Amino acid sequence: MSRVLIADDDRISCRLLSSLLTKWGYQAKTVHNGLDAQRELLRPDGPQLAILDWVMPGLDGIQVIRKLRATPRKPYTYILLLTSKGAKADILAGLDAGADDYLKKPYDTRELRARLGVGARILGLETQLASALETTEYRGTHDSLTGLYTRKAIIELLNQTVLHCEGEDRRVSLLLVDIDHLKTINEAYGQSAGDLIIQQLAPKMTSPLRLHDSVGRFGGEQYLIVAPNCPINHAMVVAERLCQTVASEKFLIEKFAVQVTVSIGVSSTRRSVLDVNQVLQEADSALREAKSKGRNRAVCSNPSEPAGQLSADSKLGAGASKNPTLV
């Protein structure tokens, strides 16, 4: 039986929600302020599913989420944020803080049950993946150099993700990441230098992602990130952060420190486009455009769609180098 924490200062709402969850087979625990919510979630045996109200005394839901995400903790906690705020900026703020999903008040009970089910399935997948780390299945689906999914595995996962999200009318965003000037690095420092860069870049691919996002080595110096339940504007925010993270760090090749940048093409499924091959082609076209415009940037495949506060073509400031630099 999955345990769920309910955090809401409205005690009547808590009782009603707790009754619903019990009826659906969950074990519910309720608290009425953000400090108690934080304490429960940080317990070693704390619940892995949480429904947090945005506005609470002590700490609000966003503050609780940020404190939880800033604390290394396993297993993962899947958080559904309840909010009466409906503006896109508010929704993005909740997701950016680390919420996995959101639901606007007053909520539909059927939708709440479905979204909790998504969270429970994701947590189940985490458990399965953890137990598979030392198995042949893991070795067969993960790249030996980077530890990320292989091309075949990430495409299979992409197909499954699109299929699941299609039934729930949820978007899946793709980030196709390519290392800039890797050939130049190989020519300067030797063929093994490229492998070292690819290997060192792998953990940076996962650092800005949520638990249920996935990343694989798509081929050579390319990585593919699959982000379910992620609007394209939020994917652009993640892509720009990734560009900044990579450009701000140095990569070690023997005694040399090398600066590396990446270019990223971003695409997303939508009601009119659910074909995986087409979405991949759109990400590839956006990546080629990022390369042609000077690299070290993210380009959106659908500039006609709103991209939050970012333009369809996001690049770093002039201070970021576009070429590997010996320091």
C-alpha atoms as a PDB file:
ATOM      1  CA  MET A   1       0.000   0.000   0.000  1.00  0.00           C
ATOM      2  CA  SER A   2       1.523   3.338  -1.092  1.00  0.00           C
ATOM      3  CA  ARG A   3       1.804   5.997   1.598  1.00  0.00           C
ATOM      4  CA  VAL A   4       0.850   9.571   0.693  1.00  0.00           C
ATOM      5  CA  LEU A   5       1.522  12.742   2.651  1.00  0.00           C
ATOM      6  CA  ILE A   6      -1.188  15.410   2.422  1.00  0.00           C
ATOM      7  CA  ALA A   7      -0.081  18.905   3.450  1.00  0.00           C
ATOM      8  CA  ASP A   8      -2.832  21.520   3.548  1.00  0.00           C
ATOM      9  CA  ASP A   9      -3.834  24.049   6.197  1.00  0.00           C
ATOM     10  CA  ASP A  10      -7.506  23.541   5.317  1.00  0.00           C
ATOM     11  CA  ARG A  11      -8.443  20.723   7.696  1.00  0.00           C
ATOM     12  CA  ILE A  12     -11.759  19.991   6.002  1.00  0.00           C
ATOM     13  CA  SER A  13     -10.022  19.606   2.637  1.00  0.00           C
ATOM     14  CA  CYS A  14      -7.467  17.327   4.293  1.00  0.00           C
ATOM     15  CA  ARG A  15     -10.179  15.057   5.716  1.00  0.00           C
ATOM     16  CA  LEU A  16     -11.984  14.830   2.380  1.00  0.00           C
ATOM     17  CA  LEU A  17      -8.773  14.111   0.491  1.00  0.00           C
ATOM     18  CA  SER A  18      -7.634  11.568   3.059  1.00  0.00           C
ATOM     19  CA  SER A  19     -10.984   9.772   2.737  1.00  0.00           C
ATOM     20  CA  LEU A  20     -10.610   9.634  -1.038  1.00  0.00           C
ATOM     21  CA  LEU A  21      -7.072   8.264  -0.871  1.00  0.00           C
ATOM     22  CA  THR A  22      -8.087   5.576   1.602  1.00  0.00           C
ATOM     23  CA  LYS A  23     -10.900   4.577  -0.720  1.00  0.00           C
ATOM     24  CA  TRP A  24      -8.384   4.296  -3.607  1.00  0.00           C
ATOM     25  CA  GLY A  25      -6.084   2.038  -1.594  1.00  0.00           C
ATOM     26  CA  TYR A  26      -3.515   4.552  -0.348  1.00  0.00           C
ATOM     27  CA  GLN A  27      -2.382   5.075   3.245  1.00  0.00           C
ATOM     28  CA  ALA A  28      -2.751   8.801   3.913  1.00  0.00           C
ATOM     29  CA  LYS A  29      -1.062  10.972   6.532  1.00  0.00           C
ATOM     30  CA  THR A  30      -2.057  14.631   6.939  1.00  0.00           C
ATOM     31  CA  VAL A  31      -0.188  17.689   8.208  1.00  0.00           C
ATOM     32  CA  HIS A  32      -1.323  21.289   8.217  1.00  0.00           C
ATOM     33  CA  ASN A  33       1.803  23.400   7.757  1.00  0.00           C
ATOM     34  CA  GLY A  34       4.964  23.422   5.678  1.00  0.00           C
ATOM     35  CA  LEU A  35       7.375  22.750   8.545  1.00  0.00           C
ATOM     36  CA  ASP A  36       5.596  19.519   9.475  1.00  0.00           C
ATOM     37  CA  ALA A  37       5.477  18.542   5.791  1.00  0.00           C
ATOM     38  CA  GLN A  38       9.220  19.062   5.461  1.00  0.00           C
ATOM     39  CA  ARG A  39       9.885  17.039   8.622  1.00  0.00           C
ATOM     40  CA  GLU A  40       7.781  14.103   7.404  1.00  0.00           C
ATOM     41  CA  LEU A  41       9.273  14.083   3.910  1.00  0.00           C
ATOM     42  CA  LEU A  42      12.859  14.150   5.188  1.00  0.00           C
ATOM     43  CA  ARG A  43      12.368  11.184   7.492  1.00  0.00           C
ATOM     44  CA  PRO A  44      14.337   8.106   6.351  1.00  0.00           C
ATOM     45  CA  ASP A  45      11.065   6.202   6.108  1.00  0.00           C
ATOM     46  CA  GLY A  46       9.077   9.179   4.814  1.00  0.00           C
ATOM     47  CA  PRO A  47       6.350   8.729   2.184  1.00  0.00           C
ATOM     48  CA  GLN A  48       7.370   8.716  -1.466  1.00  0.00           C
ATOM     49  CA  LEU A  49       4.153  10.356  -2.667  1.00  0.00           C
ATOM     50  CA  ALA A  50       3.141  13.818  -1.477  1.00  0.00           C
ATOM     51  CA  ILE A  51       0.289  16.222  -2.229  1.00  0.00           C
ATOM     52  CA  LEU A  52       1.296  19.726  -1.174  1.00  0.00           C
ATOM     53  CA  ASP A  53      -0.846  22.826  -1.073  1.00  0.00           C
ATOM     54  CA  TRP A  54       0.998  25.867  -2.441  1.00  0.00           C
ATOM     55  CA  VAL A  55      -0.088  28.270   0.361  1.00  0.00           C
ATOM     56  CA  MET A  56       0.598  27.025   3.896  1.00  0.00           C
ATOM     57  CA  PRO A  57       1.851  28.544   7.169  1.00  0.00           C
ATOM     58  CA  GLY A  58       5.474  28.007   8.205  1.00  0.00           C
ATOM     59  CA  LEU A  59       6.752  27.118   4.750  1.00  0.00           C
ATOM     60  CA  ASP A  60       4.731  27.245   1.564  1.00  0.00           C
ATOM     61  CA  GLY A  61       4.626  24.305  -0.817  1.00  0.00           C
ATOM     62  CA  ILE A  62       7.344  25.745  -3.074  1.00  0.00           C
ATOM     63  CA  GLN A  63       9.720  26.225  -0.142  1.00  0.00           C
ATOM     64  CA  VAL A  64       9.102  22.666   1.068  1.00  0.00           C
ATOM     65  CA  ILE A  65       9.871  21.299  -2.399  1.00  0.00           C
ATOM     66  CA  ARG A  66      13.077  23.307  -2.744  1.00  0.00           C
ATOM     67  CA  LYS A  67      14.349  22.187   0.651  1.00  0.00           C
ATOM     68  CA  LEU A  68      13.518  18.571  -0.167  1.00  0.00           C
ATOM     69  CA  ARG A  69      15.247  18.663  -3.575  1.00  0.00           C
ATOM     70  CA  ALA A  70      18.306  20.324  -2.025  1.00  0.00           C
ATOM     71  CA  THR A  71      18.693  17.378   0.360  1.00  0.00           C
ATOM     72  CA  PRO A  72      20.153  14.203  -1.199  1.00  0.00           C
ATOM     73  CA  ARG A  73      17.610  11.514  -0.432  1.00  0.00           C
ATOM     74  CA  LYS A  74      16.802   8.055  -1.674  1.00  0.00           C
ATOM     75  CA  PRO A  75      14.303   6.811  -2.550  1.00  0.00           C
ATOM     76  CA  TYR A  76      12.803   9.642  -4.574  1.00  0.00           C
ATOM     77  CA  THR A  77       9.686  11.567  -3.462  1.00  0.00           C
ATOM     78  CA  TYR A  78       7.099  12.306  -6.161  1.00  0.00           C
ATOM     79  CA  ILE A  79       5.351  15.609  -5.429  1.00  0.00           C
ATOM     80  CA  LEU A  80       1.990  16.787  -6.741  1.00  0.00           C
ATOM     81  CA  LEU A  81       1.453  20.503  -6.124  1.00  0.00           C
ATOM     82  CA  LEU A  82      -2.097  21.733  -5.515  1.00  0.00           C
ATOM     83  CA  THR A  83      -2.625  25.364  -6.458  1.00  0.00           C
ATOM     84  CA  SER A  84      -5.337  27.884  -7.169  1.00  0.00           C
ATOM     85  CA  LYS A  85      -2.775  29.772  -9.260  1.00  0.00           C
ATOM     86  CA  GLY A  86      -3.417  29.257 -12.965  1.00  0.00           C
ATOM     87  CA  ALA A  87      -0.961  31.620 -14.655  1.00  0.00           C
ATOM     88  CA  LYS A  88       1.696  29.962 -16.796  1.00  0.00           C
ATOM     89  CA  ALA A  89       4.439  31.761 -14.849  1.00  0.00           C
ATOM     90  CA  ASP A  90       3.142  30.249 -11.588  1.00  0.00           C
ATOM     91  CA  ILE A  91       2.962  26.769 -13.069  1.00  0.00           C
ATOM     92  CA  LEU A  92       6.516  27.049 -14.383  1.00  0.00           C
ATOM     93  CA  ALA A  93       7.679  28.326 -10.991  1.00  0.00           C
ATOM     94  CA  GLY A  94       6.236  25.219  -9.346  1.00  0.00           C
ATOM     95  CA  LEU A  95       7.832  22.845 -11.840  1.00  0.00           C
ATOM     96  CA  ASP A  96      11.112  24.740 -11.726  1.00  0.00           C
ATOM     97  CA  ALA A  97      11.192  24.395  -7.923  1.00  0.00           C
ATOM     98  CA  GLY A  98      11.084  20.619  -8.303  1.00  0.00           C
ATOM     99  CA  ALA A  99       7.408  19.662  -8.334  1.00  0.00           C
ATOM    100  CA  ASP A 100       6.745  16.637 -10.528  1.00  0.00           C
ATOM    101  CA  ASP A 101       3.191  17.630 -11.416  1.00  0.00           C
ATOM    102  CA  TYR A 102       0.538  20.149 -10.497  1.00  0.00           C
ATOM    103  CA  LEU A 103      -3.227  20.233 -10.210  1.00  0.00           C
ATOM    104  CA  LYS A 104      -5.354  23.363 -10.149  1.00  0.00           C
ATOM    105  CA  LYS A 105      -8.030  23.817  -7.488  1.00  0.00           C
ATOM    106  CA  PRO A 106     -10.830  22.915  -7.475  1.00  0.00           C
ATOM    107  CA  TYR A 107      -9.557  19.602  -8.793  1.00  0.00           C
ATOM    108  CA  ASP A 108     -11.425  16.793 -10.502  1.00  0.00           C
ATOM    109  CA  THR A 109     -11.168  13.645  -8.359  1.00  0.00           C
ATOM    110  CA  ARG A 110     -10.730  11.424 -11.411  1.00  0.00           C
ATOM    111  CA  GLU A 111      -7.821  13.531 -12.622  1.00  0.00           C
ATOM    112  CA  LEU A 112      -6.258  13.492  -9.161  1.00  0.00           C
ATOM    113  CA  ARG A 113      -6.495   9.707  -9.037  1.00  0.00           C
ATOM    114  CA  ALA A 114      -4.948   9.401 -12.510  1.00  0.00           C
ATOM    115  CA  ARG A 115      -2.046  11.709 -11.655  1.00  0.00           C
ATOM    116  CA  LEU A 116      -1.352   9.884  -8.406  1.00  0.00           C
ATOM    117  CA  GLY A 117      -1.313   6.699 -10.453  1.00  0.00           C
ATOM    118  CA  VAL A 118       1.332   8.214 -12.736  1.00  0.00           C
ATOM    119  CA  GLY A 119       3.442   9.042  -9.696  1.00  0.00           C
ATOM    120  CA  ALA A 120       3.064   5.551  -8.260  1.00  0.00           C
ATOM    121  CA  ARG A 121       4.078   3.990 -11.588  1.00  0.00           C
ATOM    122  CA  ILE A 122       7.157   6.223 -11.819  1.00  0.00           C
ATOM    123  CA  LEU A 123       8.202   5.283  -8.290  1.00  0.00           C
ATOM    124  CA  GLY A 124       7.663   1.636  -9.194  1.00  0.00           C
ATOM    125  CA  LEU A 125       9.961   2.087 -12.180  1.00  0.00           C
ATOM    126  CA  GLU A 126      12.594   3.614  -9.902  1.00  0.00           C
ATOM    127  CA  THR A 127      12.478   0.522  -7.707  1.00  0.00           C
ATOM    128  CA  GLN A 128      12.782  -1.753 -10.723  1.00  0.00           C
ATOM    129  CA  LEU A 129      15.713   0.227 -12.113  1.00  0.00           C
ATOM    130  CA  ALA A 130      17.516   0.166  -8.784  1.00  0.00           C
ATOM    131  CA  SER A 131      17.241  -3.622  -8.606  1.00  0.00           C
ATOM    132  CA  ALA A 132      18.427  -3.978 -12.197  1.00  0.00           C
ATOM    133  CA  LEU A 133      21.694  -2.082 -11.756  1.00  0.00           C
ATOM    134  CA  GLU A 134      23.794  -5.213 -11.392  1.00  0.00           C
ATOM    135  CA  THR A 135      21.934  -7.389 -13.848  1.00  0.00           C
ATOM    136  CA  THR A 136      22.536  -8.364 -17.437  1.00  0.00           C
ATOM    137  CA  GLU A 137      19.535  -6.262 -18.392  1.00  0.00           C
ATOM    138  CA  TYR A 138      21.317  -3.160 -17.112  1.00  0.00           C
ATOM    139  CA  ARG A 139      24.506  -3.944 -18.975  1.00  0.00           C
ATOM    140  CA  GLY A 140      22.551  -4.630 -22.143  1.00  0.00           C
ATOM    141  CA  THR A 141      20.671  -1.326 -22.086  1.00  0.00           C
ATOM    142  CA  HIS A 142      23.406   1.014 -20.861  1.00  0.00           C
ATOM    143  CA  ASP A 143      26.387   2.423 -22.696  1.00  0.00           C
ATOM    144  CA  SER A 144      29.671   1.101 -21.287  1.00  0.00           C
ATOM    145  CA  LEU A 145      31.496   4.431 -21.639  1.00  0.00           C
ATOM    146  CA  THR A 146      28.924   6.761 -20.075  1.00  0.00           C
ATOM    147  CA  GLY A 147      26.599   4.537 -18.050  1.00  0.00           C
ATOM    148  CA  LEU A 148      23.654   6.177 -19.854  1.00  0.00           C
ATOM    149  CA  TYR A 149      21.014   4.381 -21.923  1.00  0.00           C
ATOM    150  CA  THR A 150      22.146   3.065 -25.279  1.00  0.00           C
ATOM    151  CA  ARG A 151      20.619   4.482 -28.459  1.00  0.00           C
ATOM    152  CA  LYS A 152      18.316   1.466 -28.804  1.00  0.00           C
ATOM    153  CA  ALA A 153      17.213   1.658 -25.175  1.00  0.00           C
ATOM    154  CA  ILE A 154      16.493   5.391 -25.156  1.00  0.00           C
ATOM    155  CA  ILE A 155      14.450   5.129 -28.372  1.00  0.00           C
ATOM    156  CA  GLU A 156      12.435   2.247 -26.919  1.00  0.00           C
ATOM    157  CA  LEU A 157      11.859   4.268 -23.771  1.00  0.00           C
ATOM    158  CA  LEU A 158      10.843   7.269 -25.888  1.00  0.00           C
ATOM    159  CA  ASN A 159       8.266   5.199 -27.744  1.00  0.00           C
ATOM    160  CA  GLN A 160       6.802   3.877 -24.488  1.00  0.00           C
ATOM    161  CA  THR A 161       6.741   7.342 -22.938  1.00  0.00           C
ATOM    162  CA  VAL A 162       4.957   8.914 -25.906  1.00  0.00           C
ATOM    163  CA  LEU A 163       2.413   6.086 -25.898  1.00  0.00           C
ATOM    164  CA  HIS A 164       1.666   6.540 -22.181  1.00  0.00           C
ATOM    165  CA  CYS A 165       1.465  10.316 -22.387  1.00  0.00           C
ATOM    166  CA  GLU A 166      -0.712  10.187 -25.502  1.00  0.00           C
ATOM    167  CA  GLY A 167      -3.436   8.429 -23.554  1.00  0.00           C
ATOM    168  CA  GLU A 168      -3.275  11.123 -20.875  1.00  0.00           C
ATOM    169  CA  ASP A 169      -2.913  13.995 -23.388  1.00  0.00           C
ATOM    170  CA  ARG A 170       0.467  14.912 -21.872  1.00  0.00           C
ATOM    171  CA  ARG A 171       3.443  16.289 -23.793  1.00  0.00           C
ATOM    172  CA  VAL A 172       6.866  14.727 -24.141  1.00  0.00           C
ATOM    173  CA  SER A 173       9.794  17.026 -24.874  1.00  0.00           C
ATOM    174  CA  LEU A 174      13.097  15.967 -26.435  1.00  0.00           C
ATOM    175  CA  LEU A 175      16.492  17.589 -26.037  1.00  0.00           C
ATOM    176  CA  LEU A 176      19.051  16.462 -28.616  1.00  0.00           C
ATOM    177  CA  VAL A 177      22.473  17.498 -27.302  1.00  0.00           C
ATOM    178  CA  ASP A 178      25.653  17.581 -29.378  1.00  0.00           C
ATOM    179  CA  ILE A 179      29.194  18.374 -28.185  1.00  0.00           C
ATOM    180  CA  ASP A 180      30.644  21.311 -30.100  1.00  0.00           C
ATOM    181  CA  HIS A 181      34.017  20.948 -31.863  1.00  0.00           C
ATOM    182  CA  LEU A 182      34.765  17.432 -30.603  1.00  0.00           C
ATOM    183  CA  LYS A 183      36.765  16.750 -33.765  1.00  0.00           C
ATOM    184  CA  THR A 184      38.965  19.751 -32.965  1.00  0.00           C
ATOM    185  CA  ILE A 185      39.533  18.391 -29.459  1.00  0.00           C
ATOM    186  CA  ASN A 186      40.534  15.005 -30.871  1.00  0.00           C
ATOM    187  CA  GLU A 187      42.954  16.641 -33.284  1.00  0.00           C
ATOM    188  CA  ALA A 188      44.498  18.718 -30.506  1.00  0.00           C
ATOM    189  CA  TYR A 189      44.765  16.110 -27.739  1.00  0.00           C
ATOM    190  CA  GLY A 190      44.404  12.706 -29.406  1.00  0.00           C
ATOM    191  CA  GLN A 191      41.532  10.339 -30.169  1.00  0.00           C
ATOM    192  CA  SER A 192      41.116   9.250 -26.539  1.00  0.00           C
ATOM    193  CA  ALA A 193      40.424  12.863 -25.572  1.00  0.00           C
ATOM    194  CA  GLY A 194      37.001  12.695 -27.182  1.00  0.00           C
ATOM    195  CA  ASP A 195      36.075   9.635 -25.136  1.00  0.00           C
ATOM    196  CA  LEU A 196      37.161  11.415 -21.955  1.00  0.00           C
ATOM    197  CA  ILE A 197      34.973  14.413 -22.796  1.00  0.00           C
ATOM    198  CA  ILE A 198      31.997  12.173 -23.607  1.00  0.00           C
ATOM    199  CA  GLN A 199      32.502  10.300 -20.343  1.00  0.00           C
ATOM    200  CA  GLN A 200      32.867  13.423 -18.191  1.00  0.00           C
ATOM    201  CA  LEU A 201      29.859  15.076 -19.817  1.00  0.00           C
ATOM    202  CA  ALA A 202      27.501  12.174 -19.015  1.00  0.00           C
ATOM    203  CA  PRO A 203      26.769  13.099 -15.352  1.00  0.00           C
ATOM    204  CA  LYS A 204      26.190  16.717 -16.378  1.00  0.00           C
ATOM    205  CA  MET A 205      23.414  15.503 -18.689  1.00  0.00           C
ATOM    206  CA  THR A 206      21.455  14.184 -15.727  1.00  0.00           C
ATOM    207  CA  SER A 207      22.114  16.950 -13.173  1.00  0.00           C
ATOM    208  CA  PRO A 208      19.297  19.357 -14.258  1.00  0.00           C
ATOM    209  CA  LEU A 209      16.737  16.599 -14.831  1.00  0.00           C
ATOM    210  CA  ARG A 210      13.847  15.187 -12.808  1.00  0.00           C
ATOM    211  CA  LEU A 211      13.844  11.560 -11.717  1.00  0.00           C
ATOM    212  CA  HIS A 212      11.419  10.498 -14.430  1.00  0.00           C
ATOM    213  CA  ASP A 213      13.358  12.216 -17.227  1.00  0.00           C
ATOM    214  CA  SER A 214      15.709   9.918 -19.137  1.00  0.00           C
ATOM    215  CA  VAL A 215      18.942  10.434 -21.044  1.00  0.00           C
ATOM    216  CA  GLY A 216      20.832   8.181 -23.423  1.00  0.00           C
ATOM    217  CA  ARG A 217      23.903   8.289 -25.600  1.00  0.00           C
ATOM    218  CA  PHE A 218      22.253   8.776 -28.964  1.00  0.00           C
ATOM    219  CA  GLY A 219      25.398   8.215 -30.993  1.00  0.00           C
ATOM    220  CA  GLY A 220      28.996   9.411 -31.002  1.00  0.00           C
ATOM    221  CA  GLU A 221      28.996  12.766 -29.229  1.00  0.00           C
ATOM    222  CA  GLN A 222      25.203  13.122 -29.102  1.00  0.00           C
ATOM    223  CA  TYR A 223      22.852  12.623 -26.158  1.00  0.00           C
ATOM    224  CA  LEU A 224      19.063  12.395 -26.171  1.00  0.00           C
ATOM    225  CA  ILE A 225      17.020  13.580 -23.192  1.00  0.00           C
ATOM    226  CA  VAL A 226      13.382  12.435 -22.928  1.00  0.00           C
ATOM    227  CA  ALA A 227      11.225  14.577 -20.629  1.00  0.00           C
ATOM    228  CA  PRO A 228       7.621  13.393 -20.120  1.00  0.00           C
ATOM    229  CA  ASN A 229       4.949  15.805 -18.897  1.00  0.00           C
ATOM    230  CA  CYS A 230       7.207  18.707 -19.888  1.00  0.00           C
ATOM    231  CA  PRO A 231       5.962  21.627 -22.031  1.00  0.00           C
ATOM    232  CA  ILE A 232       8.423  22.845 -24.630  1.00  0.00           C
ATOM    233  CA  ASN A 233       8.904  26.179 -22.856  1.00  0.00           C
ATOM    234  CA  HIS A 234      10.078  24.382 -19.711  1.00  0.00           C
ATOM    235  CA  ALA A 235      12.322  22.147 -21.849  1.00  0.00           C
ATOM    236  CA  MET A 236      13.950  25.297 -23.239  1.00  0.00           C
ATOM    237  CA  VAL A 237      14.688  26.471 -19.694  1.00  0.00           C
ATOM    238  CA  VAL A 238      16.377  23.133 -18.963  1.00  0.00           C
ATOM    239  CA  ALA A 239      18.310  23.293 -22.255  1.00  0.00           C
ATOM    240  CA  GLU A 240      19.675  26.746 -21.519  1.00  0.00           C
ATOM    241  CA  ARG A 241      20.699  25.698 -18.015  1.00  0.00           C
ATOM    242  CA  LEU A 242      22.499  22.714 -19.481  1.00  0.00           C
ATOM    243  CA  CYS A 243      24.376  24.933 -21.930  1.00  0.00           C
ATOM    244  CA  GLN A 244      25.412  27.215 -19.073  1.00  0.00           C
ATOM    245  CA  THR A 245      26.491  24.335 -16.843  1.00  0.00           C
ATOM    246  CA  VAL A 246      28.694  22.758 -19.502  1.00  0.00           C
ATOM    247  CA  ALA A 247      30.253  26.049 -20.648  1.00  0.00           C
ATOM    248  CA  SER A 248      31.073  27.116 -17.086  1.00  0.00           C
ATOM    249  CA  GLU A 249      33.127  24.038 -16.221  1.00  0.00           C
ATOM    250  CA  LYS A 250      36.498  22.696 -17.360  1.00  0.00           C
ATOM    251  CA  PHE A 251      37.038  19.143 -18.594  1.00  0.00           C
ATOM    252  CA  LEU A 252      40.275  17.361 -17.744  1.00  0.00           C
ATOM    253  CA  ILE A 253      42.435  15.677 -20.384  1.00  0.00           C
ATOM    254  CA  GLU A 254      45.578  14.513 -18.616  1.00  0.00           C
ATOM    255  CA  LYS A 255      47.184  17.748 -17.359  1.00  0.00           C
ATOM    256  CA  PHE A 256      45.086  20.019 -19.560  1.00  0.00           C
ATOM    257  CA  ALA A 257      41.804  21.745 -18.727  1.00  0.00           C
ATOM    258  CA  VAL A 258      39.573  22.083 -21.773  1.00  0.00           C
ATOM    259  CA  GLN A 259      36.475  24.232 -22.135  1.00  0.00           C
ATOM    260  CA  VAL A 260      33.575  22.498 -23.858  1.00  0.00           C
ATOM    261  CA  THR A 261      30.209  23.756 -25.088  1.00  0.00           C
ATOM    262  CA  VAL A 262      27.126  21.990 -26.396  1.00  0.00           C
ATOM    263  CA  SER A 263      24.383  22.781 -28.888  1.00  0.00           C
ATOM    264  CA  ILE A 264      20.842  21.590 -28.234  1.00  0.00           C
ATOM    265  CA  GLY A 265      17.784  21.059 -30.410  1.00  0.00           C
ATOM    266  CA  VAL A 266      14.457  21.017 -28.532  1.00  0.00           C
ATOM    267  CA  SER A 267      11.193  19.548 -29.809  1.00  0.00           C
ATOM    268  CA  SER A 268       7.946  18.319 -28.299  1.00  0.00           C
ATOM    269  CA  THR A 269       4.968  16.129 -29.059  1.00  0.00           C
ATOM    270  CA  ARG A 270       1.617  17.851 -29.483  1.00  0.00           C
ATOM    271  CA  ARG A 271      -1.854  16.834 -30.487  1.00  0.00           C
ATOM    272  CA  SER A 272      -1.058  17.235 -34.181  1.00  0.00           C
ATOM    273  CA  VAL A 273       2.342  15.515 -33.910  1.00  0.00           C
ATOM    274  CA  LEU A 274       2.679  12.285 -31.928  1.00  0.00           C
ATOM    275  CA  ASP A 275       4.939  10.429 -34.361  1.00  0.00           C
ATOM    276  CA  VAL A 276       8.262   9.699 -32.644  1.00  0.00           C
ATOM    277  CA  ASN A 277      10.287   9.868 -35.850  1.00  0.00           C
ATOM    278  CA  GLN A 278       8.896  13.277 -36.725  1.00  0.00           C
ATOM    279  CA  VAL A 279       9.605  14.680 -33.261  1.00  0.00           C
ATOM    280  CA  LEU A 280      13.160  13.306 -33.473  1.00  0.00           C
ATOM    281  CA  GLN A 281      13.580  14.904 -36.906  1.00  0.00           C
ATOM    282  CA  GLU A 282      12.360  18.225 -35.523  1.00  0.00           C
ATOM    283  CA  ALA A 283      14.901  18.046 -32.696  1.00  0.00           C
ATOM    284  CA  ASP A 284      17.632  17.209 -35.207  1.00  0.00           C
ATOM    285  CA  SER A 285      16.643  20.145 -37.440  1.00  0.00           C
ATOM    286  CA  ALA A 286      16.681  22.483 -34.441  1.00  0.00           C
ATOM    287  CA  LEU A 287      20.116  21.130 -33.464  1.00  0.00           C
ATOM    288  CA  ARG A 288      21.473  21.790 -36.971  1.00  0.00           C
ATOM    289  CA  GLU A 289      20.106  25.327 -36.744  1.00  0.00           C
ATOM    290  CA  ALA A 290      21.850  25.811 -33.382  1.00  0.00           C
ATOM    291  CA  LYS A 291      25.102  24.660 -34.993  1.00  0.00           C
ATOM    292  CA  SER A 292      24.680  26.936 -37.998  1.00  0.00           C
ATOM    293  CA  LYS A 293      23.993  29.959 -35.783  1.00  0.00           C
ATOM    294  CA  GLY A 294      27.294  29.594 -33.962  1.00  0.00           C
ATOM    295  CA  ARG A 295      26.834  26.705 -31.497  1.00  0.00           C
ATOM    296  CA  ASN A 296      26.694  26.955 -27.685  1.00  0.00           C
ATOM    297  CA  ARG A 297      22.944  27.537 -27.713  1.00  0.00           C
ATOM    298  CA  ALA A 298      19.528  25.878 -27.655  1.00  0.00           C
ATOM    299  CA  VAL A 299      17.041  26.202 -30.502  1.00  0.00           C
ATOM    300  CA  CYS A 300      13.338  25.345 -30.327  1.00  0.00           C
ATOM    301  CA  SER A 301      11.796  23.404 -33.204  1.00  0.00           C
ATOM    302  CA  ASN A 302       8.456  25.217 -32.902  1.00  0.00           C
ATOM    303  CA  PRO A 303       9.133  28.942 -32.562  1.00  0.00           C
ATOM    304  CA  SER A 304       5.434  29.608 -33.200  1.00  0.00           C
ATOM    305  CA  GLU A 305       4.692  28.103 -29.788  1.00  0.00           C
ATOM    306  CA  PRO A 306       5.304  30.307 -26.728  1.00  0.00           C
ATOM    307  CA  ALA A 307       8.622  29.605 -25.032  1.00  0.00           C
ATOM    308  CA  GLY A 308       8.061  31.352 -21.708  1.00  0.00           C
ATOM    309  CA  GLN A 309      10.551  34.117 -21.126  1.00  0.00           C
ATOM    310  CA  LEU A 310      12.999  32.560 -23.568  1.00  0.00           C
ATOM    311  CA  SER A 311      13.089  33.168 -27.270  1.00  0.00           C
ATOM    312  CA  ALA A 312      12.973  30.242 -29.651  1.00  0.00           C
ATOM    313  CA  ASP A 313      16.756  30.642 -30.012  1.00  0.00           C
ATOM    314  CA  SER A 314      18.524  30.842 -26.641  1.00  0.00           C
ATOM    315  CA  LYS A 315      22.264  31.346 -26.451  1.00  0.00           C
ATOM    316  CA  LEU A 316      24.759  32.174 -23.733  1.00  0.00           C
ATOM    317  CA  GLY A 317      26.312  35.572 -23.258  1.00  0.00           C
ATOM    318  CA  ALA A 318      29.336  36.766 -25.129  1.00  0.00           C
ATOM    319  CA  GLY A 319      31.640  35.695 -22.315  1.00  0.00           C
ATOM    320  CA  ALA A 320      31.208  31.987 -23.097  1.00  0.00           C
ATOM    321  CA  SER A 321      33.804  30.528 -25.443  1.00  0.00           C
ATOM    322  CA  LYS A 322      32.661  28.561 -28.463  1.00  0.00           C
ATOM    323  CA  ASN A 323      35.921  26.641 -28.824  1.00  0.00           C
ATOM    324  CA  PRO A 324      37.925  24.290 -26.605  1.00  0.00           C
ATOM    325  CA  THR A 325      40.486  26.328 -24.702  1.00  0.00           C
ATOM    326  CA  LEU A 326      43.749  25.199 -23.149  1.00  0.00           C
ATOM    327  CA  VAL A 327      44.190  26.856 -19.771  1.00  0.00           C
END
